[in-house]
Amino acid sequence: MTLRARAHTMSLLRVIVCLLLPPAAVLDKGCGPIVLTTVLTLVGWVPGVIAAIIFCARPPAPSVHRH
């Protein structure tokens, strides 16, 4: 399996987790997305799934290092 195929498999797994358990899909995205996705999932499953997919599709924010 090539690296590109492996990255595609991981993104497919992430989409499946977004569909089944939206808050778990955004655990590595920070506190804000976790809280927002959890609240939207409690309000309705579809809004939670949409939020999880949006947060997972966004590129990671650049880290800021202060010296």
PDB file of N, CA and C in Angstrom:
ATOM      1  N   MET A   1       0.849  -1.177   0.000  1.00  0.00           N
ATOM      2  CA  MET A   1       0.000   0.000   0.000  1.00  0.00           C
ATOM      3  C   MET A   1       0.892   1.237   0.000  1.00  0.00           C
ATOM      4  N   THR A   2       0.638   2.117  -0.909  1.00  0.00           N
ATOM      5  CA  THR A   2       1.444   3.328  -0.997  1.00  0.00           C
ATOM      6  C   THR A   2       0.997   4.334   0.059  1.00  0.00           C
ATOM      7  N   LEU A   3       1.825   5.339   0.251  1.00  0.00           N
ATOM      8  CA  LEU A   3       1.514   6.377   1.233  1.00  0.00           C
ATOM      9  C   LEU A   3       0.247   7.125   0.844  1.00  0.00           C
ATOM     10  N   ARG A   4       0.074   7.380  -0.434  1.00  0.00           N
ATOM     11  CA  ARG A   4      -1.119   8.097  -0.902  1.00  0.00           C
ATOM     12  C   ARG A   4      -2.385   7.273  -0.644  1.00  0.00           C
ATOM     13  N   ALA A   5      -2.325   5.985  -0.889  1.00  0.00           N
ATOM     14  CA  ALA A   5      -3.482   5.120  -0.646  1.00  0.00           C
ATOM     15  C   ALA A   5      -3.779   5.047   0.846  1.00  0.00           C
ATOM     16  N   ARG A   6      -2.741   5.020   1.675  1.00  0.00           N
ATOM     17  CA  ARG A   6      -2.926   4.971   3.117  1.00  0.00           C
ATOM     18  C   ARG A   6      -3.573   6.263   3.621  1.00  0.00           C
ATOM     19  N   ALA A   7      -3.193   7.406   3.081  1.00  0.00           N
ATOM     20  CA  ALA A   7      -3.794   8.677   3.477  1.00  0.00           C
ATOM     21  C   ALA A   7      -5.267   8.708   3.073  1.00  0.00           C
ATOM     22  N   HIS A   8      -5.591   8.140   1.919  1.00  0.00           N
ATOM     23  CA  HIS A   8      -6.988   8.085   1.479  1.00  0.00           C
ATOM     24  C   HIS A   8      -7.802   7.183   2.406  1.00  0.00           C
ATOM     25  N   THR A   9      -7.230   6.078   2.863  1.00  0.00           N
ATOM     26  CA  THR A   9      -7.920   5.181   3.777  1.00  0.00           C
ATOM     27  C   THR A   9      -8.203   5.877   5.099  1.00  0.00           C
ATOM     28  N   MET A  10      -7.253   6.658   5.591  1.00  0.00           N
ATOM     29  CA  MET A  10      -7.463   7.369   6.841  1.00  0.00           C
ATOM     30  C   MET A  10      -8.561   8.410   6.692  1.00  0.00           C
ATOM     31  N   SER A  11      -8.628   9.081   5.572  1.00  0.00           N
ATOM     32  CA  SER A  11      -9.681  10.073   5.395  1.00  0.00           C
ATOM     33  C   SER A  11     -11.054   9.390   5.289  1.00  0.00           C
ATOM     34  N   LEU A  12     -11.106   8.224   4.702  1.00  0.00           N
ATOM     35  CA  LEU A  12     -12.351   7.478   4.643  1.00  0.00           C
ATOM     36  C   LEU A  12     -12.769   7.045   6.045  1.00  0.00           C
ATOM     37  N   LEU A  13     -11.823   6.609   6.843  1.00  0.00           N
ATOM     38  CA  LEU A  13     -12.114   6.233   8.227  1.00  0.00           C
ATOM     39  C   LEU A  13     -12.623   7.439   9.008  1.00  0.00           C
ATOM     40  N   ARG A  14     -12.029   8.591   8.782  1.00  0.00           N
ATOM     41  CA  ARG A  14     -12.464   9.813   9.465  1.00  0.00           C
ATOM     42  C   ARG A  14     -13.893  10.167   9.077  1.00  0.00           C
ATOM     43  N   VAL A  15     -14.247  10.007   7.804  1.00  0.00           N
ATOM     44  CA  VAL A  15     -15.609  10.299   7.356  1.00  0.00           C
ATOM     45  C   VAL A  15     -16.603   9.332   8.006  1.00  0.00           C
ATOM     46  N   ILE A  16     -16.221   8.077   8.115  1.00  0.00           N
ATOM     47  CA  ILE A  16     -17.097   7.091   8.753  1.00  0.00           C
ATOM     48  C   ILE A  16     -17.327   7.452  10.217  1.00  0.00           C
ATOM     49  N   VAL A  17     -16.262   7.865  10.913  1.00  0.00           N
ATOM     50  CA  VAL A  17     -16.409   8.278  12.314  1.00  0.00           C
ATOM     51  C   VAL A  17     -17.262   9.539  12.404  1.00  0.00           C
ATOM     52  N   CYS A  18     -17.102  10.453  11.450  1.00  0.00           N
ATOM     53  CA  CYS A  18     -17.945  11.653  11.424  1.00  0.00           C
ATOM     54  C   CYS A  18     -19.422  11.275  11.323  1.00  0.00           C
ATOM     55  N   LEU A  19     -19.719  10.275  10.561  1.00  0.00           N
ATOM     56  CA  LEU A  19     -21.111   9.872  10.375  1.00  0.00           C
ATOM     57  C   LEU A  19     -21.662   9.119  11.581  1.00  0.00           C
ATOM     58  N   LEU A  20     -20.840   8.297  12.205  1.00  0.00           N
ATOM     59  CA  LEU A  20     -21.330   7.471  13.304  1.00  0.00           C
ATOM     60  C   LEU A  20     -21.300   8.178  14.657  1.00  0.00           C
ATOM     61  N   LEU A  21     -20.220   8.890  14.944  1.00  0.00           N
ATOM     62  CA  LEU A  21     -20.073   9.553  16.240  1.00  0.00           C
ATOM     63  C   LEU A  21     -19.330  10.877  16.036  1.00  0.00           C
ATOM     64  N   PRO A  22     -20.063  11.914  15.659  1.00  0.00           N
ATOM     65  CA  PRO A  22     -19.435  13.185  15.289  1.00  0.00           C
ATOM     66  C   PRO A  22     -18.477  13.780  16.329  1.00  0.00           C
ATOM     67  N   PRO A  23     -18.804  13.794  17.627  1.00  0.00           N
ATOM     68  CA  PRO A  23     -17.842  14.382  18.574  1.00  0.00           C
ATOM     69  C   PRO A  23     -16.505  13.636  18.630  1.00  0.00           C
ATOM     70  N   ALA A  24     -16.523  12.337  18.442  1.00  0.00           N
ATOM     71  CA  ALA A  24     -15.280  11.562  18.476  1.00  0.00           C
ATOM     72  C   ALA A  24     -14.389  11.878  17.279  1.00  0.00           C
ATOM     73  N   ALA A  25     -14.976  12.305  16.180  1.00  0.00           N
ATOM     74  CA  ALA A  25     -14.206  12.596  14.975  1.00  0.00           C
ATOM     75  C   ALA A  25     -13.386  13.872  15.110  1.00  0.00           C
ATOM     76  N   VAL A  26     -13.777  14.767  16.015  1.00  0.00           N
ATOM     77  CA  VAL A  26     -13.080  16.051  16.142  1.00  0.00           C
ATOM     78  C   VAL A  26     -12.257  16.145  17.437  1.00  0.00           C
ATOM     79  N   LEU A  27     -11.968  15.022  18.068  1.00  0.00           N
ATOM     80  CA  LEU A  27     -11.221  15.044  19.321  1.00  0.00           C
ATOM     81  C   LEU A  27      -9.839  15.666  19.184  1.00  0.00           C
ATOM     82  N   ASP A  28      -9.238  15.557  18.028  1.00  0.00           N
ATOM     83  CA  ASP A  28      -7.893  16.115  17.833  1.00  0.00           C
ATOM     84  C   ASP A  28      -7.918  17.539  17.284  1.00  0.00           C
ATOM     85  N   LYS A  29      -9.086  18.166  17.208  1.00  0.00           N
ATOM     86  CA  LYS A  29      -9.207  19.511  16.629  1.00  0.00           C
ATOM     87  C   LYS A  29      -9.245  20.622  17.669  1.00  0.00           C
ATOM     88  N   GLY A  30      -9.265  20.301  18.943  1.00  0.00           N
ATOM     89  CA  GLY A  30      -9.279  21.328  19.981  1.00  0.00           C
ATOM     90  C   GLY A  30     -10.594  21.366  20.732  1.00  0.00           C
ATOM     91  N   CYS A  31     -10.641  22.194  21.760  1.00  0.00           N
ATOM     92  CA  CYS A  31     -11.801  22.252  22.652  1.00  0.00           C
ATOM     93  C   CYS A  31     -13.035  22.846  21.975  1.00  0.00           C
ATOM     94  N   GLY A  32     -12.865  23.924  21.208  1.00  0.00           N
ATOM     95  CA  GLY A  32     -14.007  24.581  20.566  1.00  0.00           C
ATOM     96  C   GLY A  32     -14.790  23.666  19.645  1.00  0.00           C
ATOM     97  N   PRO A  33     -14.119  23.001  18.699  1.00  0.00           N
ATOM     98  CA  PRO A  33     -14.850  22.082  17.821  1.00  0.00           C
ATOM     99  C   PRO A  33     -15.510  20.922  18.562  1.00  0.00           C
ATOM    100  N   ILE A  34     -14.868  20.443  19.620  1.00  0.00           N
ATOM    101  CA  ILE A  34     -15.456  19.338  20.384  1.00  0.00           C
ATOM    102  C   ILE A  34     -16.764  19.785  21.028  1.00  0.00           C
ATOM    103  N   VAL A  35     -16.727  20.947  21.686  1.00  0.00           N
ATOM    104  CA  VAL A  35     -17.923  21.441  22.372  1.00  0.00           C
ATOM    105  C   VAL A  35     -19.026  21.744  21.359  1.00  0.00           C
ATOM    106  N   LEU A  36     -18.689  22.442  20.294  1.00  0.00           N
ATOM    107  CA  LEU A  36     -19.693  22.811  19.294  1.00  0.00           C
ATOM    108  C   LEU A  36     -20.308  21.577  18.639  1.00  0.00           C
ATOM    109  N   THR A  37     -19.486  20.618  18.278  1.00  0.00           N
ATOM    110  CA  THR A  37     -19.995  19.407  17.636  1.00  0.00           C
ATOM    111  C   THR A  37     -20.851  18.599  18.605  1.00  0.00           C
ATOM    112  N   THR A  38     -20.451  18.547  19.874  1.00  0.00           N
ATOM    113  CA  THR A  38     -21.245  17.822  20.873  1.00  0.00           C
ATOM    114  C   THR A  38     -22.616  18.478  21.061  1.00  0.00           C
ATOM    115  N   VAL A  39     -22.635  19.804  21.181  1.00  0.00           N
ATOM    116  CA  VAL A  39     -23.912  20.508  21.349  1.00  0.00           C
ATOM    117  C   VAL A  39     -24.799  20.312  20.127  1.00  0.00           C
ATOM    118  N   LEU A  40     -24.226  20.439  18.940  1.00  0.00           N
ATOM    119  CA  LEU A  40     -25.027  20.259  17.721  1.00  0.00           C
ATOM    120  C   LEU A  40     -25.521  18.823  17.578  1.00  0.00           C
ATOM    121  N   THR A  41     -24.729  17.856  18.033  1.00  0.00           N
ATOM    122  CA  THR A  41     -25.163  16.465  17.983  1.00  0.00           C
ATOM    123  C   THR A  41     -26.309  16.221  18.962  1.00  0.00           C
ATOM    124  N   LEU A  42     -26.253  16.880  20.127  1.00  0.00           N
ATOM    125  CA  LEU A  42     -27.351  16.742  21.087  1.00  0.00           C
ATOM    126  C   LEU A  42     -28.634  17.386  20.567  1.00  0.00           C
ATOM    127  N   VAL A  43     -28.491  18.489  19.820  1.00  0.00           N
ATOM    128  CA  VAL A  43     -29.658  19.149  19.230  1.00  0.00           C
ATOM    129  C   VAL A  43     -30.248  18.283  18.120  1.00  0.00           C
ATOM    130  N   GLY A  44     -29.388  17.726  17.310  1.00  0.00           N
ATOM    131  CA  GLY A  44     -29.829  16.868  16.209  1.00  0.00           C
ATOM    132  C   GLY A  44     -28.628  16.189  15.599  1.00  0.00           C
ATOM    133  N   TRP A  45     -28.804  14.956  15.160  1.00  0.00           N
ATOM    134  CA  TRP A  45     -27.677  14.194  14.644  1.00  0.00           C
ATOM    135  C   TRP A  45     -27.110  14.818  13.371  1.00  0.00           C
ATOM    136  N   VAL A  46     -27.977  15.274  12.483  1.00  0.00           N
ATOM    137  CA  VAL A  46     -27.526  15.830  11.201  1.00  0.00           C
ATOM    138  C   VAL A  46     -26.667  17.082  11.390  1.00  0.00           C
ATOM    139  N   PRO A  47     -27.057  18.054  12.223  1.00  0.00           N
ATOM    140  CA  PRO A  47     -26.167  19.208  12.425  1.00  0.00           C
ATOM    141  C   PRO A  47     -24.809  18.816  13.006  1.00  0.00           C
ATOM    142  N   GLY A  48     -24.782  17.823  13.877  1.00  0.00           N
ATOM    143  CA  GLY A  48     -23.512  17.349  14.427  1.00  0.00           C
ATOM    144  C   GLY A  48     -22.624  16.728  13.368  1.00  0.00           C
ATOM    145  N   VAL A  49     -23.223  15.952  12.478  1.00  0.00           N
ATOM    146  CA  VAL A  49     -22.458  15.331  11.389  1.00  0.00           C
ATOM    147  C   VAL A  49     -21.909  16.395  10.450  1.00  0.00           C
ATOM    148  N   ILE A  50     -22.725  17.378  10.125  1.00  0.00           N
ATOM    149  CA  ILE A  50     -22.274  18.453   9.223  1.00  0.00           C
ATOM    150  C   ILE A  50     -21.115  19.217   9.852  1.00  0.00           C
ATOM    151  N   ALA A  51     -21.238  19.544  11.137  1.00  0.00           N
ATOM    152  CA  ALA A  51     -20.158  20.263  11.824  1.00  0.00           C
ATOM    153  C   ALA A  51     -18.881  19.423  11.865  1.00  0.00           C
ATOM    154  N   ALA A  52     -19.010  18.141  12.156  1.00  0.00           N
ATOM    155  CA  ALA A  52     -17.832  17.268  12.222  1.00  0.00           C
ATOM    156  C   ALA A  52     -17.138  17.182  10.865  1.00  0.00           C
ATOM    157  N   ILE A  53     -17.902  17.065   9.806  1.00  0.00           N
ATOM    158  CA  ILE A  53     -17.304  16.985   8.463  1.00  0.00           C
ATOM    159  C   ILE A  53     -16.604  18.294   8.117  1.00  0.00           C
ATOM    160  N   ILE A  54     -17.218  19.421   8.479  1.00  0.00           N
ATOM    161  CA  ILE A  54     -16.589  20.712   8.196  1.00  0.00           C
ATOM    162  C   ILE A  54     -15.282  20.855   8.969  1.00  0.00           C
ATOM    163  N   PHE A  55     -15.301  20.523  10.254  1.00  0.00           N
ATOM    164  CA  PHE A  55     -14.078  20.649  11.060  1.00  0.00           C
ATOM    165  C   PHE A  55     -12.993  19.693  10.587  1.00  0.00           C
ATOM    166  N   CYS A  56     -13.366  18.507  10.167  1.00  0.00           N
ATOM    167  CA  CYS A  56     -12.360  17.540   9.708  1.00  0.00           C
ATOM    168  C   CYS A  56     -11.818  17.884   8.330  1.00  0.00           C
ATOM    169  N   ALA A  57     -12.586  18.582   7.527  1.00  0.00           N
ATOM    170  CA  ALA A  57     -12.141  18.943   6.177  1.00  0.00           C
ATOM    171  C   ALA A  57     -11.227  20.165   6.187  1.00  0.00           C
ATOM    172  N   ARG A  58     -11.293  20.974   7.242  1.00  0.00           N
ATOM    173  CA  ARG A  58     -10.446  22.169   7.316  1.00  0.00           C
ATOM    174  C   ARG A  58      -8.990  21.782   7.509  1.00  0.00           C
ATOM    175  N   PRO A  59      -8.081  22.481   6.857  1.00  0.00           N
ATOM    176  CA  PRO A  59      -6.665  22.195   7.074  1.00  0.00           C
ATOM    177  C   PRO A  59      -6.264  22.609   8.490  1.00  0.00           C
ATOM    178  N   PRO A  60      -5.251  21.971   9.056  1.00  0.00           N
ATOM    179  CA  PRO A  60      -4.829  22.326  10.407  1.00  0.00           C
ATOM    180  C   PRO A  60      -4.289  23.755  10.465  1.00  0.00           C
ATOM    181  N   ALA A  61      -4.571  24.419  11.562  1.00  0.00           N
ATOM    182  CA  ALA A  61      -4.091  25.794  11.739  1.00  0.00           C
ATOM    183  C   ALA A  61      -2.585  25.771  11.965  1.00  0.00           C
ATOM    184  N   PRO A  62      -1.873  26.743  11.425  1.00  0.00           N
ATOM    185  CA  PRO A  62      -0.423  26.776  11.652  1.00  0.00           C
ATOM    186  C   PRO A  62      -0.139  27.058  13.119  1.00  0.00           C
ATOM    187  N   SER A  63       0.850  26.371  13.651  1.00  0.00           N
ATOM    188  CA  SER A  63       1.193  26.567  15.054  1.00  0.00           C
ATOM    189  C   SER A  63       2.039  27.844  15.182  1.00  0.00           C
ATOM    190  N   VAL A  64       1.828  28.548  16.266  1.00  0.00           N
ATOM    191  CA  VAL A  64       2.525  29.797  16.525  1.00  0.00           C
ATOM    192  C   VAL A  64       3.548  29.552  17.623  1.00  0.00           C
ATOM    193  N   HIS A  65       4.796  29.785  17.304  1.00  0.00           N
ATOM    194  CA  HIS A  65       5.871  29.633  18.293  1.00  0.00           C
ATOM    195  C   HIS A  65       6.412  30.998  18.640  1.00  0.00           C
ATOM    196  N   ARG A  66       6.391  31.317  19.908  1.00  0.00           N
ATOM    197  CA  ARG A  66       6.918  32.592  20.342  1.00  0.00           C
ATOM    198  C   ARG A  66       8.247  32.365  21.032  1.00  0.00           C
ATOM    199  N   HIS A  67       9.201  33.212  20.700  1.00  0.00           N
ATOM    200  CA  HIS A  67      10.531  33.069  21.306  1.00  0.00           C
ATOM    201  C   HIS A  67      10.822  34.242  22.185  1.00  0.00           C
TER     202      HIS A  67
END
